[in-house]
Structure formats: C-alpha cells, structure tokens
Amino acid sequence: LHLALHTALNIIIIVVVENKKHDLLRAIQETKRGLVATADQRSSIEEALVSVEGYNMGLPIDLIKLDGTWRLQYTSAPDVLILFEAAARLPFFQVGQIFQKFECRDQSNGGVIRNVVRWSIPTLLEEQEGATLLVSAKFDIVSARNIYLQFEEITIQNINVSEELQALIAPAILPRSFLSLQILQFIRTFRAQIPVSNPGRQSVGGLYYLSYLDDNMLLGRAVGGGGVFVFTRAQPLE
C-alpha cells in the first residue's frame, strides 16, 4: 500500500510539473523569444518560471541530463535581446535559431558549453541560417546548481552563400571557371576564430545558475541580473 501511494504521488507530481511547464511555454509564446515582452508579460513569465523552478530546488546538476543541445525559447538577457533588436531594425541582418550545446556526458564536475547563433545577411547568405556564430566556453560546477563559465573563443563558420550571390560569382549561364569555384569553396569553408582570452590576462567569465533541468526543459539565470533563459531540448546539431 505504501509503495502504491508513493507511485501515485510521483505520478501526480509529474502531471503537475508538466502542466506548470506548459503554462510557462504558453506565457512566452507571443514574445518573439523575449524581444516584444511587455512588463505584464515579463511578470507573468517570472511567476511561471518560479513555479517550475520549485520542483527542482536543491538537487545537484545532472550532467548526463544536461549534455546535449538546447534551443532558446525565451530570454530577458540584454546581451541576447540586443541581437534580436538589431535584426528587427536592420533590414540587412537576420538572427535565426539560438542553441546552447553542453558537452559533459563523461565529466564529473564540468565540461564545455557552446553558444550557437544562426544568423544571415539577406540576398548575400541563405535565409536565417546563412552563417553560424559559435561562442565556446569551459564550465565548472561550483555549487549544487551554479556553474562558472570561462569563455575561450568566438568562431564564425558554416557560411552558406545565397543563390543570388552564387550567380553573381559564377553565373549559371557560363561555364564555372576554376577561379569562381575556388571563391565559392573558400567562402563555404571559411572559418574565423577569435580568442576571448589573452595569455597573462584572465578570460571573460560568468556565473550561471541552472534553476531547473529535466529531460526536455532547461531554465537558467545569469547571476548578477544578467537575465533568465528558457530552453527546450533540440535535435543534436551537425
């Protein structure tokens, strides 16, 4: 009887948590990932966040669950919202999907995190996924729910040229010369790496509180007023 009650209680908790998560996802739905969230919406989202976070409090970070790719659904972080604002105002700049990719499955106290931003310049690059901005960091677990990020490198890669630009470089009506093909190949394989830290100087870092984690949702808070983040599990990136 005791086991049956325990099982029934667990099922009830799972159902309640799933409903709370659904409420949170519904609250962020019309905000364009946070860009157009009103003060009232932000308040409702914060309430929904806290409601979900309450079911995971105190539990240590499960690195096996954390490992993998997470898609950004909402944020209030100014350094991310400025990207969305730029894309909304500038006709020549698009921001596509943003992911956080954790590589920590076989680790015990940390790992690597890659912030992946898909972006584009219309007519020059393919829509939404014309290029990839990759911000890589090492992270260490510093307490039950806090990780410390140490940013290492910014990379621009995976440049996908639009059909219009391809036609300009190598017109379809002409035989593609060796040079024009070389130019296209160079653009496609171009990769620029910018180190964030210099020898002898401490690298840029930050404290990140992972407030909720399960199989399909990750909630985080940048410590020091850096904003909140809502992620859902995504397919692995290539």
C-alpha atoms as a PDB file:
ATOM      1  CA  LEU A   1       0.000   0.000   0.000  1.00  0.00           C
ATOM      2  CA  HIS A   2       2.837   2.369   0.919  1.00  0.00           C
ATOM      3  CA  LEU A   3       4.529   1.693  -2.461  1.00  0.00           C
ATOM      4  CA  ALA A   4       1.246   2.264  -4.327  1.00  0.00           C
ATOM      5  CA  LEU A   5       0.731   5.605  -2.555  1.00  0.00           C
ATOM      6  CA  HIS A   6       4.311   6.631  -3.312  1.00  0.00           C
ATOM      7  CA  THR A   7       3.863   5.742  -7.009  1.00  0.00           C
ATOM      8  CA  ALA A   8       0.538   7.602  -7.200  1.00  0.00           C
ATOM      9  CA  LEU A   9       2.121  10.670  -5.570  1.00  0.00           C
ATOM     10  CA  ASN A  10       5.009  10.617  -8.066  1.00  0.00           C
ATOM     11  CA  ILE A  11       2.567  10.436 -10.990  1.00  0.00           C
ATOM     12  CA  ILE A  12       0.599  13.400  -9.601  1.00  0.00           C
ATOM     13  CA  ILE A  13       3.815  15.446  -9.213  1.00  0.00           C
ATOM     14  CA  ILE A  14       4.879  14.620 -12.798  1.00  0.00           C
ATOM     15  CA  VAL A  15       1.474  15.733 -14.137  1.00  0.00           C
ATOM     16  CA  VAL A  16       1.572  18.955 -12.089  1.00  0.00           C
ATOM     17  CA  VAL A  17       5.122  19.779 -13.260  1.00  0.00           C
ATOM     18  CA  GLU A  18       4.205  19.146 -16.916  1.00  0.00           C
ATOM     19  CA  ASN A  19       1.226  21.494 -16.531  1.00  0.00           C
ATOM     20  CA  LYS A  20       3.469  24.174 -14.967  1.00  0.00           C
ATOM     21  CA  LYS A  21       5.956  23.798 -17.844  1.00  0.00           C
ATOM     22  CA  HIS A  22       3.103  24.102 -20.335  1.00  0.00           C
ATOM     23  CA  ASP A  23       1.951  27.304 -18.571  1.00  0.00           C
ATOM     24  CA  LEU A  24       5.484  28.721 -18.883  1.00  0.00           C
ATOM     25  CA  LEU A  25       5.747  27.876 -22.595  1.00  0.00           C
ATOM     26  CA  ARG A  26       2.316  29.421 -23.173  1.00  0.00           C
ATOM     27  CA  ALA A  27       3.382  32.593 -21.312  1.00  0.00           C
ATOM     28  CA  ILE A  28       6.441  33.106 -23.551  1.00  0.00           C
ATOM     29  CA  GLN A  29       4.660  32.173 -26.785  1.00  0.00           C
ATOM     30  CA  GLU A  30       3.892  35.626 -28.215  1.00  0.00           C
ATOM     31  CA  THR A  31       7.089  37.375 -27.074  1.00  0.00           C
ATOM     32  CA  LYS A  32       9.432  36.624 -30.036  1.00  0.00           C
ATOM     33  CA  ARG A  33      11.913  34.981 -27.649  1.00  0.00           C
ATOM     34  CA  GLY A  34      11.634  37.952 -25.275  1.00  0.00           C
ATOM     35  CA  LEU A  35      12.060  40.794 -27.754  1.00  0.00           C
ATOM     36  CA  VAL A  36       8.499  42.143 -27.527  1.00  0.00           C
ATOM     37  CA  ALA A  37       7.645  41.013 -23.975  1.00  0.00           C
ATOM     38  CA  THR A  38       5.674  43.695 -22.110  1.00  0.00           C
ATOM     39  CA  ALA A  39       6.177  44.431 -18.398  1.00  0.00           C
ATOM     40  CA  ASP A  40       3.000  42.442 -17.625  1.00  0.00           C
ATOM     41  CA  GLN A  41       4.192  39.506 -19.716  1.00  0.00           C
ATOM     42  CA  ARG A  42       7.617  39.550 -18.044  1.00  0.00           C
ATOM     43  CA  SER A  43       5.914  39.491 -14.656  1.00  0.00           C
ATOM     44  CA  SER A  44       3.709  36.520 -15.663  1.00  0.00           C
ATOM     45  CA  ILE A  45       6.726  34.706 -17.129  1.00  0.00           C
ATOM     46  CA  GLU A  46       8.719  35.241 -13.916  1.00  0.00           C
ATOM     47  CA  GLU A  47       5.832  33.773 -11.887  1.00  0.00           C
ATOM     48  CA  ALA A  48       5.614  30.769 -14.215  1.00  0.00           C
ATOM     49  CA  LEU A  49       9.410  30.316 -14.059  1.00  0.00           C
ATOM     50  CA  VAL A  50       9.490  30.343 -10.259  1.00  0.00           C
ATOM     51  CA  SER A  51       6.598  27.882 -10.220  1.00  0.00           C
ATOM     52  CA  VAL A  52       8.557  25.379 -12.348  1.00  0.00           C
ATOM     53  CA  GLU A  53      11.858  26.008 -10.536  1.00  0.00           C
ATOM     54  CA  GLY A  54      10.273  24.984  -7.230  1.00  0.00           C
ATOM     55  CA  TYR A  55      10.180  21.337  -8.325  1.00  0.00           C
ATOM     56  CA  ASN A  56      13.931  21.044  -8.869  1.00  0.00           C
ATOM     57  CA  MET A  57      15.345  23.064  -5.979  1.00  0.00           C
ATOM     58  CA  GLY A  58      18.379  21.772  -4.137  1.00  0.00           C
ATOM     59  CA  LEU A  59      19.030  18.854  -6.470  1.00  0.00           C
ATOM     60  CA  PRO A  60      22.599  18.729  -7.824  1.00  0.00           C
ATOM     61  CA  ILE A  61      23.138  19.251 -11.559  1.00  0.00           C
ATOM     62  CA  ASP A  62      22.751  16.023 -13.541  1.00  0.00           C
ATOM     63  CA  LEU A  63      25.482  16.279 -16.200  1.00  0.00           C
ATOM     64  CA  ILE A  64      24.092  13.333 -18.179  1.00  0.00           C
ATOM     65  CA  LYS A  65      20.726  15.115 -18.496  1.00  0.00           C
ATOM     66  CA  LEU A  66      22.408  18.451 -19.195  1.00  0.00           C
ATOM     67  CA  ASP A  67      24.524  17.019 -22.025  1.00  0.00           C
ATOM     68  CA  GLY A  68      23.162  17.757 -25.491  1.00  0.00           C
ATOM     69  CA  THR A  69      21.589  20.578 -27.482  1.00  0.00           C
ATOM     70  CA  TRP A  70      19.061  23.081 -26.128  1.00  0.00           C
ATOM     71  CA  ARG A  71      17.080  25.613 -28.181  1.00  0.00           C
ATOM     72  CA  LEU A  72      16.490  29.109 -26.769  1.00  0.00           C
ATOM     73  CA  GLN A  73      12.765  29.855 -26.450  1.00  0.00           C
ATOM     74  CA  TYR A  74      12.885  32.998 -24.283  1.00  0.00           C
ATOM     75  CA  THR A  75      15.345  35.315 -22.565  1.00  0.00           C
ATOM     76  CA  SER A  76      15.472  38.641 -20.764  1.00  0.00           C
ATOM     77  CA  ALA A  77      19.280  38.860 -21.075  1.00  0.00           C
ATOM     78  CA  PRO A  78      20.258  42.274 -22.540  1.00  0.00           C
ATOM     79  CA  ASP A  79      23.256  40.867 -24.452  1.00  0.00           C
ATOM     80  CA  VAL A  80      20.948  38.485 -26.354  1.00  0.00           C
ATOM     81  CA  LEU A  81      17.997  40.852 -26.766  1.00  0.00           C
ATOM     82  CA  ILE A  82      20.304  43.383 -28.436  1.00  0.00           C
ATOM     83  CA  LEU A  83      20.828  40.828 -31.246  1.00  0.00           C
ATOM     84  CA  PHE A  84      17.050  40.464 -31.696  1.00  0.00           C
ATOM     85  CA  GLU A  85      16.623  44.254 -31.639  1.00  0.00           C
ATOM     86  CA  ALA A  86      19.319  44.697 -34.294  1.00  0.00           C
ATOM     87  CA  ALA A  87      17.645  42.077 -36.502  1.00  0.00           C
ATOM     88  CA  ALA A  88      14.255  43.790 -36.067  1.00  0.00           C
ATOM     89  CA  ARG A  89      15.656  47.214 -37.020  1.00  0.00           C
ATOM     90  CA  LEU A  90      18.243  46.388 -39.660  1.00  0.00           C
ATOM     91  CA  PRO A  91      16.945  45.029 -42.986  1.00  0.00           C
ATOM     92  CA  PHE A  92      20.355  43.501 -43.775  1.00  0.00           C
ATOM     93  CA  PHE A  93      20.639  41.370 -40.609  1.00  0.00           C
ATOM     94  CA  GLN A  94      18.690  38.277 -39.528  1.00  0.00           C
ATOM     95  CA  VAL A  95      19.003  36.166 -36.385  1.00  0.00           C
ATOM     96  CA  GLY A  96      17.785  32.581 -36.683  1.00  0.00           C
ATOM     97  CA  GLN A  97      17.769  29.878 -34.016  1.00  0.00           C
ATOM     98  CA  ILE A  98      19.999  30.109 -30.938  1.00  0.00           C
ATOM     99  CA  PHE A  99      21.207  26.988 -29.165  1.00  0.00           C
ATOM    100  CA  GLN A 100      23.269  26.042 -26.129  1.00  0.00           C
ATOM    101  CA  LYS A 101      25.199  22.846 -26.607  1.00  0.00           C
ATOM    102  CA  PHE A 102      26.588  21.182 -23.476  1.00  0.00           C
ATOM    103  CA  GLU A 103      29.350  18.581 -23.789  1.00  0.00           C
ATOM    104  CA  CYS A 104      29.622  16.994 -20.354  1.00  0.00           C
ATOM    105  CA  ARG A 105      28.314  13.420 -20.530  1.00  0.00           C
ATOM    106  CA  ASP A 106      31.542  11.773 -19.346  1.00  0.00           C
ATOM    107  CA  GLN A 107      32.543  14.515 -16.908  1.00  0.00           C
ATOM    108  CA  SER A 108      32.082  14.756 -13.164  1.00  0.00           C
ATOM    109  CA  ASN A 109      32.464  18.467 -12.407  1.00  0.00           C
ATOM    110  CA  GLY A 110      32.158  20.463 -15.631  1.00  0.00           C
ATOM    111  CA  GLY A 111      32.592  20.366 -19.381  1.00  0.00           C
ATOM    112  CA  VAL A 112      32.288  22.537 -22.478  1.00  0.00           C
ATOM    113  CA  ILE A 113      29.399  24.775 -23.493  1.00  0.00           C
ATOM    114  CA  ARG A 114      28.931  26.172 -26.992  1.00  0.00           C
ATOM    115  CA  ASN A 115      26.521  29.037 -27.662  1.00  0.00           C
ATOM    116  CA  VAL A 116      25.399  28.644 -31.277  1.00  0.00           C
ATOM    117  CA  VAL A 117      23.775  31.591 -33.084  1.00  0.00           C
ATOM    118  CA  ARG A 118      22.439  31.125 -36.622  1.00  0.00           C
ATOM    119  CA  TRP A 119      22.451  34.440 -38.495  1.00  0.00           C
ATOM    120  CA  SER A 120      22.259  35.795 -42.004  1.00  0.00           C
ATOM    121  CA  ILE A 121      22.564  38.773 -44.336  1.00  0.00           C
ATOM    122  CA  PRO A 122      19.611  38.536 -46.783  1.00  0.00           C
ATOM    123  CA  THR A 123      20.477  38.236 -50.504  1.00  0.00           C
ATOM    124  CA  LEU A 124      24.140  37.545 -49.661  1.00  0.00           C
ATOM    125  CA  LEU A 125      23.648  34.498 -47.442  1.00  0.00           C
ATOM    126  CA  GLU A 126      20.892  31.900 -47.130  1.00  0.00           C
ATOM    127  CA  GLU A 127      17.822  32.960 -45.136  1.00  0.00           C
ATOM    128  CA  GLN A 128      18.060  32.509 -41.331  1.00  0.00           C
ATOM    129  CA  GLU A 129      20.989  30.048 -41.477  1.00  0.00           C
ATOM    130  CA  GLY A 130      23.480  31.914 -43.654  1.00  0.00           C
ATOM    131  CA  ALA A 131      26.283  31.578 -41.117  1.00  0.00           C
ATOM    132  CA  THR A 132      26.990  30.375 -37.593  1.00  0.00           C
ATOM    133  CA  LEU A 133      28.443  32.341 -34.687  1.00  0.00           C
ATOM    134  CA  LEU A 134      29.899  29.985 -32.092  1.00  0.00           C
ATOM    135  CA  VAL A 135      30.914  31.184 -28.611  1.00  0.00           C
ATOM    136  CA  SER A 136      32.773  28.431 -26.755  1.00  0.00           C
ATOM    137  CA  ALA A 137      33.402  28.261 -23.015  1.00  0.00           C
ATOM    138  CA  LYS A 138      34.617  25.816 -20.415  1.00  0.00           C
ATOM    139  CA  PHE A 139      32.378  25.426 -17.402  1.00  0.00           C
ATOM    140  CA  ASP A 140      32.937  24.155 -13.875  1.00  0.00           C
ATOM    141  CA  ILE A 141      30.332  23.218 -11.298  1.00  0.00           C
ATOM    142  CA  VAL A 142      30.985  25.495  -8.315  1.00  0.00           C
ATOM    143  CA  SER A 143      27.954  24.555  -6.175  1.00  0.00           C
ATOM    144  CA  ALA A 144      24.897  22.298  -6.408  1.00  0.00           C
ATOM    145  CA  ARG A 145      23.203  24.444  -9.088  1.00  0.00           C
ATOM    146  CA  ASN A 146      25.814  27.023 -10.142  1.00  0.00           C
ATOM    147  CA  ILE A 147      28.287  26.703 -12.992  1.00  0.00           C
ATOM    148  CA  TYR A 148      31.118  29.109 -13.772  1.00  0.00           C
ATOM    149  CA  LEU A 149      31.683  29.833 -17.465  1.00  0.00           C
ATOM    150  CA  GLN A 150      35.135  30.731 -18.764  1.00  0.00           C
ATOM    151  CA  PHE A 151      34.778  31.976 -22.336  1.00  0.00           C
ATOM    152  CA  GLU A 152      37.550  30.877 -24.657  1.00  0.00           C
ATOM    153  CA  GLU A 153      36.788  31.546 -28.301  1.00  0.00           C
ATOM    154  CA  ILE A 154      34.384  33.125 -30.794  1.00  0.00           C
ATOM    155  CA  THR A 155      34.128  31.417 -34.188  1.00  0.00           C
ATOM    156  CA  ILE A 156      32.321  32.360 -37.403  1.00  0.00           C
ATOM    157  CA  GLN A 157      31.743  29.328 -39.632  1.00  0.00           C
ATOM    158  CA  ASN A 158      29.281  27.407 -41.856  1.00  0.00           C
ATOM    159  CA  ILE A 159      28.806  30.260 -44.329  1.00  0.00           C
ATOM    160  CA  ASN A 160      26.056  29.375 -46.810  1.00  0.00           C
ATOM    161  CA  VAL A 161      26.060  31.712 -49.795  1.00  0.00           C
ATOM    162  CA  SER A 162      22.676  32.681 -51.276  1.00  0.00           C
ATOM    163  CA  GLU A 163      21.744  31.619 -54.807  1.00  0.00           C
ATOM    164  CA  GLU A 164      21.841  35.296 -55.862  1.00  0.00           C
ATOM    165  CA  LEU A 165      25.452  35.721 -54.722  1.00  0.00           C
ATOM    166  CA  GLN A 166      26.450  32.370 -56.235  1.00  0.00           C
ATOM    167  CA  ALA A 167      25.007  33.539 -59.566  1.00  0.00           C
ATOM    168  CA  LEU A 168      26.999  36.764 -59.266  1.00  0.00           C
ATOM    169  CA  ILE A 169      30.281  34.960 -58.540  1.00  0.00           C
ATOM    170  CA  ALA A 170      29.704  32.161 -61.030  1.00  0.00           C
ATOM    171  CA  PRO A 171      26.805  32.890 -63.432  1.00  0.00           C
ATOM    172  CA  ALA A 172      24.738  29.808 -64.234  1.00  0.00           C
ATOM    173  CA  ILE A 173      24.759  30.584 -67.982  1.00  0.00           C
ATOM    174  CA  LEU A 174      28.562  30.488 -68.145  1.00  0.00           C
ATOM    175  CA  PRO A 175      30.855  27.535 -67.502  1.00  0.00           C
ATOM    176  CA  ARG A 176      32.056  27.898 -63.927  1.00  0.00           C
ATOM    177  CA  SER A 177      35.743  28.689 -64.060  1.00  0.00           C
ATOM    178  CA  PHE A 178      38.241  27.150 -61.685  1.00  0.00           C
ATOM    179  CA  LEU A 179      38.666  30.564 -60.013  1.00  0.00           C
ATOM    180  CA  SER A 180      34.943  31.153 -59.405  1.00  0.00           C
ATOM    181  CA  LEU A 181      34.568  27.641 -57.983  1.00  0.00           C
ATOM    182  CA  GLN A 182      37.580  28.270 -55.738  1.00  0.00           C
ATOM    183  CA  ILE A 183      35.990  31.507 -54.492  1.00  0.00           C
ATOM    184  CA  LEU A 184      32.719  29.715 -53.653  1.00  0.00           C
ATOM    185  CA  GLN A 185      34.580  26.883 -51.934  1.00  0.00           C
ATOM    186  CA  PHE A 186      36.673  29.362 -49.927  1.00  0.00           C
ATOM    187  CA  ILE A 187      33.547  31.179 -48.703  1.00  0.00           C
ATOM    188  CA  ARG A 188      31.807  27.919 -47.754  1.00  0.00           C
ATOM    189  CA  THR A 189      34.796  26.609 -45.787  1.00  0.00           C
ATOM    190  CA  PHE A 190      35.829  29.969 -44.296  1.00  0.00           C
ATOM    191  CA  ARG A 191      36.252  29.838 -40.534  1.00  0.00           C
ATOM    192  CA  ALA A 192      37.383  32.788 -38.401  1.00  0.00           C
ATOM    193  CA  GLN A 193      38.446  32.139 -34.817  1.00  0.00           C
ATOM    194  CA  ILE A 194      38.879  34.933 -32.271  1.00  0.00           C
ATOM    195  CA  PRO A 195      40.313  34.029 -28.851  1.00  0.00           C
ATOM    196  CA  VAL A 196      38.454  35.710 -25.997  1.00  0.00           C
ATOM    197  CA  SER A 197      41.376  35.490 -23.571  1.00  0.00           C
ATOM    198  CA  ASN A 198      44.990  36.584 -23.923  1.00  0.00           C
ATOM    199  CA  PRO A 199      47.959  34.921 -22.217  1.00  0.00           C
ATOM    200  CA  GLY A 200      48.558  36.579 -18.862  1.00  0.00           C
ATOM    201  CA  ARG A 201      45.069  38.103 -18.765  1.00  0.00           C
ATOM    202  CA  GLN A 202      42.092  36.451 -17.105  1.00  0.00           C
ATOM    203  CA  SER A 203      39.488  35.338 -19.627  1.00  0.00           C
ATOM    204  CA  VAL A 204      35.933  36.654 -19.612  1.00  0.00           C
ATOM    205  CA  GLY A 205      33.688  34.582 -17.378  1.00  0.00           C
ATOM    206  CA  GLY A 206      30.340  34.498 -15.646  1.00  0.00           C
ATOM    207  CA  LEU A 207      28.262  32.655 -13.081  1.00  0.00           C
ATOM    208  CA  TYR A 208      25.191  30.819 -14.351  1.00  0.00           C
ATOM    209  CA  TYR A 209      22.502  29.349 -12.097  1.00  0.00           C
ATOM    210  CA  LEU A 210      20.770  26.295 -13.589  1.00  0.00           C
ATOM    211  CA  SER A 211      17.446  26.639 -11.819  1.00  0.00           C
ATOM    212  CA  TYR A 212      15.590  23.731 -13.454  1.00  0.00           C
ATOM    213  CA  LEU A 213      16.590  20.725 -15.537  1.00  0.00           C
ATOM    214  CA  ASP A 214      14.713  17.677 -16.782  1.00  0.00           C
ATOM    215  CA  ASP A 215      14.695  15.607 -19.975  1.00  0.00           C
ATOM    216  CA  ASN A 216      13.170  18.347 -22.151  1.00  0.00           C
ATOM    217  CA  MET A 217      13.453  21.709 -20.362  1.00  0.00           C
ATOM    218  CA  LEU A 218      16.361  23.777 -19.035  1.00  0.00           C
ATOM    219  CA  LEU A 219      15.919  27.026 -17.109  1.00  0.00           C
ATOM    220  CA  GLY A 220      18.848  29.260 -16.216  1.00  0.00           C
ATOM    221  CA  ARG A 221      19.627  32.592 -14.615  1.00  0.00           C
ATOM    222  CA  ALA A 222      22.763  34.641 -15.253  1.00  0.00           C
ATOM    223  CA  VAL A 223      23.879  35.592 -11.738  1.00  0.00           C
ATOM    224  CA  GLY A 224      24.127  39.338 -11.151  1.00  0.00           C
ATOM    225  CA  GLY A 225      20.999  40.409 -13.019  1.00  0.00           C
ATOM    226  CA  GLY A 226      22.087  39.090 -16.414  1.00  0.00           C
ATOM    227  CA  GLY A 227      18.637  37.757 -17.263  1.00  0.00           C
ATOM    228  CA  VAL A 228      16.717  34.487 -17.402  1.00  0.00           C
ATOM    229  CA  PHE A 229      16.777  31.802 -20.082  1.00  0.00           C
ATOM    230  CA  VAL A 230      14.203  29.199 -21.138  1.00  0.00           C
ATOM    231  CA  PHE A 231      15.480  26.325 -23.285  1.00  0.00           C
ATOM    232  CA  THR A 232      13.847  23.186 -24.655  1.00  0.00           C
ATOM    233  CA  ARG A 233      15.635  20.050 -25.814  1.00  0.00           C
ATOM    234  CA  ALA A 234      16.592  20.109 -29.510  1.00  0.00           C
ATOM    235  CA  GLN A 235      17.924  17.632 -32.038  1.00  0.00           C
ATOM    236  CA  PRO A 236      21.742  17.303 -31.974  1.00  0.00           C
ATOM    237  CA  LEU A 237      23.498  19.849 -34.188  1.00  0.00           C
ATOM    238  CA  GLU A 238      25.670  18.616 -37.021  1.00  0.00           C
END
